[in-house]
Amino acid sequence: MRRAFTAVLLSTALLAGGTACGSGSGGSSGSQAQDVVSVAQADELAALAAALPAAAEADEAAAPTPSPSTTAEKQKFAKTRFVANAGLAAGATYQWIIKPYKAGKFKKGAKGRTFALIKAGLAGAFAYNRLKAAAENAKGDPLLSKAMVPLTAGIESLKGLGSKLRKGEAGDADIDAFNNVISGVKEAGKGAGAPVTDQVPSVSQLGG
């Protein structure tokens, strides 16, 4: 299923790039070709496309491991998982959504827009997935669980934004939604003794 999804995604990306290159008849070849997805970019898209199933597989693989026996150990384990998942969500959001948006990469006519939007869409889905996992992890610690309750609706509101980003339909409010939720999760972690730092997923992490 993951390979099939990746193949469809890359075909769409390459087709979008090819369309951008071939449209119009009066521009120079350099300006026409600026939005084509390169081989290196296609490889990165493949890694990003693998992020969601790879993350899910990692969660499943971790499930059978021996559970902490004492309450203190369980809470520490929950915080560790929370910090890891929230950190990946924060890193992906900043690197592939907030940063390129502020740089104008999502605007029509911007160089590399097709690639930037596809990455942003995938990063949005990945961040939502990891935030959901972090919220679940938080349930293992009373203080962290209480701090995350007000953020539940905000996290859920991000569910469809990956698609809007990919289509180039996201605006300031959508970007702010990601930024606000990530900030809220960081504050919740900090207040519960589980500080979150951005961790941009590496290609190896995304590839499983």
C-alpha atoms as a PDB file:
ATOM      1  CA  MET A   1       0.000   0.000   0.000  1.00  0.00           C
ATOM      2  CA  ARG A   2       2.835   2.409   0.888  1.00  0.00           C
ATOM      3  CA  ARG A   3       4.626   1.734  -2.423  1.00  0.00           C
ATOM      4  CA  ALA A   4       1.389   2.277  -4.342  1.00  0.00           C
ATOM      5  CA  PHE A   5       0.720   5.569  -2.597  1.00  0.00           C
ATOM      6  CA  THR A   6       4.268   6.736  -3.209  1.00  0.00           C
ATOM      7  CA  ALA A   7       4.065   5.847  -6.896  1.00  0.00           C
ATOM      8  CA  VAL A   8       0.804   7.757  -7.330  1.00  0.00           C
ATOM      9  CA  LEU A   9       2.207  10.738  -5.456  1.00  0.00           C
ATOM     10  CA  LEU A  10       5.379  10.903  -7.513  1.00  0.00           C
ATOM     11  CA  SER A  11       3.451  10.517 -10.748  1.00  0.00           C
ATOM     12  CA  THR A  12       1.263  13.443  -9.719  1.00  0.00           C
ATOM     13  CA  ALA A  13       4.292  15.532  -8.762  1.00  0.00           C
ATOM     14  CA  LEU A  14       6.124  14.833 -12.000  1.00  0.00           C
ATOM     15  CA  LEU A  15       2.998  15.477 -14.035  1.00  0.00           C
ATOM     16  CA  ALA A  16       2.459  18.799 -12.252  1.00  0.00           C
ATOM     17  CA  GLY A  17       6.046  19.768 -12.897  1.00  0.00           C
ATOM     18  CA  GLY A  18       5.835  18.719 -16.526  1.00  0.00           C
ATOM     19  CA  THR A  19       2.669  20.736 -17.009  1.00  0.00           C
ATOM     20  CA  ALA A  20       4.319  23.811 -15.521  1.00  0.00           C
ATOM     21  CA  CYS A  21       7.244  23.341 -17.878  1.00  0.00           C
ATOM     22  CA  GLY A  22       5.192  22.776 -21.000  1.00  0.00           C
ATOM     23  CA  SER A  23       2.551  25.458 -20.553  1.00  0.00           C
ATOM     24  CA  GLY A  24       2.892  28.717 -22.432  1.00  0.00           C
ATOM     25  CA  SER A  25       4.606  29.333 -25.713  1.00  0.00           C
ATOM     26  CA  GLY A  26       6.464  32.620 -25.352  1.00  0.00           C
ATOM     27  CA  GLY A  27       8.647  32.206 -22.245  1.00  0.00           C
ATOM     28  CA  SER A  28      12.256  31.085 -22.178  1.00  0.00           C
ATOM     29  CA  SER A  29      13.129  27.461 -21.524  1.00  0.00           C
ATOM     30  CA  GLY A  30      14.836  28.438 -18.255  1.00  0.00           C
ATOM     31  CA  SER A  31      11.735  30.079 -16.788  1.00  0.00           C
ATOM     32  CA  GLN A  32       9.492  27.305 -18.060  1.00  0.00           C
ATOM     33  CA  ALA A  33      11.583  24.560 -16.455  1.00  0.00           C
ATOM     34  CA  GLN A  34      11.994  26.189 -13.055  1.00  0.00           C
ATOM     35  CA  ASP A  35       9.158  24.206 -11.415  1.00  0.00           C
ATOM     36  CA  VAL A  36       9.991  20.701 -12.655  1.00  0.00           C
ATOM     37  CA  VAL A  37      10.497  18.153  -9.866  1.00  0.00           C
ATOM     38  CA  SER A  38      14.056  16.874 -10.116  1.00  0.00           C
ATOM     39  CA  VAL A  39      15.237  13.330  -9.365  1.00  0.00           C
ATOM     40  CA  ALA A  40      16.627  14.472  -6.014  1.00  0.00           C
ATOM     41  CA  GLN A  41      13.345  16.165  -5.173  1.00  0.00           C
ATOM     42  CA  ALA A  42      11.413  13.069  -6.223  1.00  0.00           C
ATOM     43  CA  ASP A  43      13.530  11.027  -3.821  1.00  0.00           C
ATOM     44  CA  GLU A  44      12.698  13.431  -1.007  1.00  0.00           C
ATOM     45  CA  LEU A  45       9.013  13.252  -1.881  1.00  0.00           C
ATOM     46  CA  ALA A  46       9.213   9.468  -1.734  1.00  0.00           C
ATOM     47  CA  ALA A  47      10.699   9.717   1.740  1.00  0.00           C
ATOM     48  CA  LEU A  48       8.011  12.156   2.840  1.00  0.00           C
ATOM     49  CA  ALA A  49       5.288   9.953   1.372  1.00  0.00           C
ATOM     50  CA  ALA A  50       6.607   7.079   3.479  1.00  0.00           C
ATOM     51  CA  ALA A  51       6.400   9.154   6.651  1.00  0.00           C
ATOM     52  CA  LEU A  52       2.867   8.334   7.730  1.00  0.00           C
ATOM     53  CA  PRO A  53       2.913   4.549   7.278  1.00  0.00           C
ATOM     54  CA  ALA A  54       6.476   4.379   8.614  1.00  0.00           C
ATOM     55  CA  ALA A  55       5.447   6.266  11.736  1.00  0.00           C
ATOM     56  CA  ALA A  56       2.441   4.014  12.190  1.00  0.00           C
ATOM     57  CA  GLU A  57       4.627   0.935  11.799  1.00  0.00           C
ATOM     58  CA  ALA A  58       7.029   2.306  14.391  1.00  0.00           C
ATOM     59  CA  ASP A  59       4.156   2.733  16.843  1.00  0.00           C
ATOM     60  CA  GLU A  60       2.994  -0.817  16.211  1.00  0.00           C
ATOM     61  CA  ALA A  61       6.485  -2.195  16.619  1.00  0.00           C
ATOM     62  CA  ALA A  62       6.884  -0.418  19.927  1.00  0.00           C
ATOM     63  CA  ALA A  63       3.615  -1.760  21.326  1.00  0.00           C
ATOM     64  CA  PRO A  64       4.759  -5.323  22.188  1.00  0.00           C
ATOM     65  CA  THR A  65       7.798  -4.113  24.180  1.00  0.00           C
ATOM     66  CA  PRO A  66       7.669  -4.683  27.954  1.00  0.00           C
ATOM     67  CA  SER A  67       5.623  -2.005  29.658  1.00  0.00           C
ATOM     68  CA  PRO A  68       7.054   0.011  32.555  1.00  0.00           C
ATOM     69  CA  SER A  69       5.953  -1.563  35.814  1.00  0.00           C
ATOM     70  CA  THR A  70       5.716   1.347  38.268  1.00  0.00           C
ATOM     71  CA  THR A  71       3.573   4.457  37.974  1.00  0.00           C
ATOM     72  CA  ALA A  72       6.659   6.677  37.865  1.00  0.00           C
ATOM     73  CA  GLU A  73       8.176   4.600  35.047  1.00  0.00           C
ATOM     74  CA  LYS A  74       4.935   4.707  33.074  1.00  0.00           C
ATOM     75  CA  GLN A  75       4.744   8.483  33.365  1.00  0.00           C
ATOM     76  CA  LYS A  76       8.374   8.880  32.328  1.00  0.00           C
ATOM     77  CA  PHE A  77       7.818   6.594  29.328  1.00  0.00           C
ATOM     78  CA  ALA A  78       4.707   8.564  28.323  1.00  0.00           C
ATOM     79  CA  LYS A  79       6.614  11.852  28.503  1.00  0.00           C
ATOM     80  CA  THR A  80       9.486  10.456  26.439  1.00  0.00           C
ATOM     81  CA  ARG A  81       7.130   9.312  23.679  1.00  0.00           C
ATOM     82  CA  PHE A  82       5.239  12.621  23.847  1.00  0.00           C
ATOM     83  CA  VAL A  83       8.417  14.677  23.468  1.00  0.00           C
ATOM     84  CA  ALA A  84       9.593  12.575  20.506  1.00  0.00           C
ATOM     85  CA  ASN A  85       6.310  12.776  18.577  1.00  0.00           C
ATOM     86  CA  ALA A  86       5.625  16.434  19.354  1.00  0.00           C
ATOM     87  CA  GLY A  87       9.205  17.327  18.411  1.00  0.00           C
ATOM     88  CA  LEU A  88       8.872  15.649  15.004  1.00  0.00           C
ATOM     89  CA  ALA A  89       5.552  17.400  14.380  1.00  0.00           C
ATOM     90  CA  ALA A  90       7.080  20.763  15.302  1.00  0.00           C
ATOM     91  CA  GLY A  91      10.166  20.192  13.155  1.00  0.00           C
ATOM     92  CA  ALA A  92       8.198  19.116  10.095  1.00  0.00           C
ATOM     93  CA  THR A  93       5.780  22.034  10.479  1.00  0.00           C
ATOM     94  CA  TYR A  94       8.498  24.655  10.679  1.00  0.00           C
ATOM     95  CA  GLN A  95      10.775  23.194   7.993  1.00  0.00           C
ATOM     96  CA  TRP A  96       8.193  22.457   5.298  1.00  0.00           C
ATOM     97  CA  ILE A  97       5.204  24.669   6.105  1.00  0.00           C
ATOM     98  CA  ILE A  98       5.978  27.818   8.102  1.00  0.00           C
ATOM     99  CA  LYS A  99       9.475  28.509   6.755  1.00  0.00           C
ATOM    100  CA  PRO A 100       8.660  28.195   3.024  1.00  0.00           C
ATOM    101  CA  TYR A 101       5.359  30.051   3.484  1.00  0.00           C
ATOM    102  CA  LYS A 102       7.152  33.038   5.017  1.00  0.00           C
ATOM    103  CA  ALA A 103       9.697  32.878   2.186  1.00  0.00           C
ATOM    104  CA  GLY A 104       6.902  33.180  -0.390  1.00  0.00           C
ATOM    105  CA  LYS A 105       7.414  29.676  -1.806  1.00  0.00           C
ATOM    106  CA  PHE A 106       3.671  28.991  -1.951  1.00  0.00           C
ATOM    107  CA  LYS A 107       2.805  32.041  -4.046  1.00  0.00           C
ATOM    108  CA  LYS A 108       1.784  31.634  -7.672  1.00  0.00           C
ATOM    109  CA  GLY A 109       4.752  32.063  -9.946  1.00  0.00           C
ATOM    110  CA  ALA A 110       7.301  31.311  -7.231  1.00  0.00           C
ATOM    111  CA  LYS A 111      10.222  29.152  -8.282  1.00  0.00           C
ATOM    112  CA  GLY A 112       9.793  25.571  -7.068  1.00  0.00           C
ATOM    113  CA  ARG A 113       6.177  26.169  -6.006  1.00  0.00           C
ATOM    114  CA  THR A 114       4.918  22.744  -7.098  1.00  0.00           C
ATOM    115  CA  PHE A 115       7.542  20.919  -5.073  1.00  0.00           C
ATOM    116  CA  ALA A 116       7.099  23.204  -2.043  1.00  0.00           C
ATOM    117  CA  LEU A 117       3.332  22.675  -1.991  1.00  0.00           C
ATOM    118  CA  ILE A 118       3.565  18.905  -2.266  1.00  0.00           C
ATOM    119  CA  LYS A 119       6.102  18.791   0.548  1.00  0.00           C
ATOM    120  CA  ALA A 120       3.941  21.095   2.665  1.00  0.00           C
ATOM    121  CA  GLY A 121       0.911  18.873   2.116  1.00  0.00           C
ATOM    122  CA  LEU A 122       2.803  15.776   3.168  1.00  0.00           C
ATOM    123  CA  ALA A 123       4.376  17.569   6.113  1.00  0.00           C
ATOM    124  CA  GLY A 124       0.930  18.724   7.207  1.00  0.00           C
ATOM    125  CA  ALA A 125      -0.413  15.183   7.198  1.00  0.00           C
ATOM    126  CA  PHE A 126       2.714  13.948   8.986  1.00  0.00           C
ATOM    127  CA  ALA A 127       2.494  16.677  11.655  1.00  0.00           C
ATOM    128  CA  TYR A 128      -1.195  15.941  12.279  1.00  0.00           C
ATOM    129  CA  ASN A 129      -0.409  12.236  12.635  1.00  0.00           C
ATOM    130  CA  ARG A 130       2.423  12.847  15.118  1.00  0.00           C
ATOM    131  CA  LEU A 131       0.382  15.374  17.127  1.00  0.00           C
ATOM    132  CA  LYS A 132      -2.396  12.816  17.474  1.00  0.00           C
ATOM    133  CA  ALA A 133       0.171  10.307  18.700  1.00  0.00           C
ATOM    134  CA  ALA A 134       1.605  12.858  21.140  1.00  0.00           C
ATOM    135  CA  ALA A 135      -1.873  13.554  22.529  1.00  0.00           C
ATOM    136  CA  GLU A 136      -2.330   9.825  23.061  1.00  0.00           C
ATOM    137  CA  ASN A 137       1.084   9.564  24.756  1.00  0.00           C
ATOM    138  CA  ALA A 138       0.130  12.420  27.085  1.00  0.00           C
ATOM    139  CA  LYS A 139      -2.653  10.324  28.593  1.00  0.00           C
ATOM    140  CA  GLY A 140       0.013   8.338  30.418  1.00  0.00           C
ATOM    141  CA  ASP A 141       0.909  11.326  32.620  1.00  0.00           C
ATOM    142  CA  PRO A 142      -1.837  13.099  34.639  1.00  0.00           C
ATOM    143  CA  LEU A 143      -0.323  16.583  34.470  1.00  0.00           C
ATOM    144  CA  LEU A 144       0.535  16.346  30.778  1.00  0.00           C
ATOM    145  CA  SER A 145      -2.855  14.852  29.963  1.00  0.00           C
ATOM    146  CA  LYS A 146      -4.645  17.740  31.679  1.00  0.00           C
ATOM    147  CA  ALA A 147      -2.500  20.294  29.845  1.00  0.00           C
ATOM    148  CA  MET A 148      -3.263  18.719  26.458  1.00  0.00           C
ATOM    149  CA  VAL A 149      -7.058  18.607  26.850  1.00  0.00           C
ATOM    150  CA  PRO A 150      -7.634  22.209  25.628  1.00  0.00           C
ATOM    151  CA  LEU A 151      -5.550  21.452  22.516  1.00  0.00           C
ATOM    152  CA  THR A 152      -7.595  18.467  21.323  1.00  0.00           C
ATOM    153  CA  ALA A 153      -9.905  20.494  19.085  1.00  0.00           C
ATOM    154  CA  GLY A 154      -7.000  22.472  17.644  1.00  0.00           C
ATOM    155  CA  ILE A 155      -5.111  19.316  16.723  1.00  0.00           C
ATOM    156  CA  GLU A 156      -8.197  17.836  15.090  1.00  0.00           C
ATOM    157  CA  SER A 157      -8.707  21.030  13.073  1.00  0.00           C
ATOM    158  CA  LEU A 158      -5.428  20.339  11.277  1.00  0.00           C
ATOM    159  CA  LYS A 159      -6.719  17.096   9.771  1.00  0.00           C
ATOM    160  CA  GLY A 160      -7.659  18.445   6.341  1.00  0.00           C
ATOM    161  CA  LEU A 161      -5.087  21.221   6.053  1.00  0.00           C
ATOM    162  CA  GLY A 162      -2.477  18.974   4.430  1.00  0.00           C
ATOM    163  CA  SER A 163      -4.741  18.695   1.392  1.00  0.00           C
ATOM    164  CA  LYS A 164      -5.293  22.485   1.289  1.00  0.00           C
ATOM    165  CA  LEU A 165      -1.554  23.071   1.434  1.00  0.00           C
ATOM    166  CA  ARG A 166      -0.910  20.615  -1.387  1.00  0.00           C
ATOM    167  CA  LYS A 167      -3.501  22.320  -3.580  1.00  0.00           C
ATOM    168  CA  GLY A 168      -2.119  25.787  -2.849  1.00  0.00           C
ATOM    169  CA  GLU A 169      -5.355  26.821  -1.129  1.00  0.00           C
ATOM    170  CA  ALA A 170      -3.973  27.468   2.373  1.00  0.00           C
ATOM    171  CA  GLY A 171      -3.902  31.033   3.636  1.00  0.00           C
ATOM    172  CA  ASP A 172      -2.610  32.935   6.641  1.00  0.00           C
ATOM    173  CA  ALA A 173      -5.265  31.460   8.941  1.00  0.00           C
ATOM    174  CA  ASP A 174      -4.265  27.896   8.032  1.00  0.00           C
ATOM    175  CA  ILE A 175      -0.574  28.536   8.627  1.00  0.00           C
ATOM    176  CA  ASP A 176      -1.433  30.251  11.904  1.00  0.00           C
ATOM    177  CA  ALA A 177      -3.463  27.196  12.904  1.00  0.00           C
ATOM    178  CA  PHE A 178      -0.396  24.976  12.613  1.00  0.00           C
ATOM    179  CA  ASN A 179       1.788  27.518  14.372  1.00  0.00           C
ATOM    180  CA  ASN A 180      -0.674  28.017  17.232  1.00  0.00           C
ATOM    181  CA  VAL A 181      -1.217  24.318  17.842  1.00  0.00           C
ATOM    182  CA  ILE A 182       2.518  23.599  17.859  1.00  0.00           C
ATOM    183  CA  SER A 183       3.083  26.511  20.265  1.00  0.00           C
ATOM    184  CA  GLY A 184       0.301  25.219  22.494  1.00  0.00           C
ATOM    185  CA  VAL A 185       1.729  21.705  22.560  1.00  0.00           C
ATOM    186  CA  LYS A 186       5.164  23.073  23.430  1.00  0.00           C
ATOM    187  CA  GLU A 187       3.689  25.123  26.285  1.00  0.00           C
ATOM    188  CA  ALA A 188       1.792  22.087  27.551  1.00  0.00           C
ATOM    189  CA  GLY A 189       4.947  19.998  27.503  1.00  0.00           C
ATOM    190  CA  LYS A 190       7.007  22.683  29.205  1.00  0.00           C
ATOM    191  CA  GLY A 191       4.451  23.098  31.984  1.00  0.00           C
ATOM    192  CA  ALA A 192       4.326  19.355  32.592  1.00  0.00           C
ATOM    193  CA  GLY A 193       8.094  18.883  32.700  1.00  0.00           C
ATOM    194  CA  ALA A 194       8.319  17.520  29.151  1.00  0.00           C
ATOM    195  CA  PRO A 195       9.914  20.336  27.084  1.00  0.00           C
ATOM    196  CA  VAL A 196       9.603  19.890  23.330  1.00  0.00           C
ATOM    197  CA  THR A 197      12.278  20.899  20.840  1.00  0.00           C
ATOM    198  CA  ASP A 198      11.956  20.895  17.037  1.00  0.00           C
ATOM    199  CA  GLN A 199      13.262  17.750  15.355  1.00  0.00           C
ATOM    200  CA  VAL A 200      13.214  17.866  11.580  1.00  0.00           C
ATOM    201  CA  PRO A 201      12.630  14.278  10.398  1.00  0.00           C
ATOM    202  CA  SER A 202      15.617  12.917   8.506  1.00  0.00           C
ATOM    203  CA  VAL A 203      15.269  10.943   5.276  1.00  0.00           C
ATOM    204  CA  SER A 204      16.109   7.738   7.176  1.00  0.00           C
ATOM    205  CA  GLN A 205      13.431   8.482   9.785  1.00  0.00           C
ATOM    206  CA  LEU A 206      10.849   9.246   7.158  1.00  0.00           C
ATOM    207  CA  GLY A 207      11.768   6.182   5.153  1.00  0.00           C
ATOM    208  CA  GLY A 208      11.348   3.897   8.172  1.00  0.00           C
END
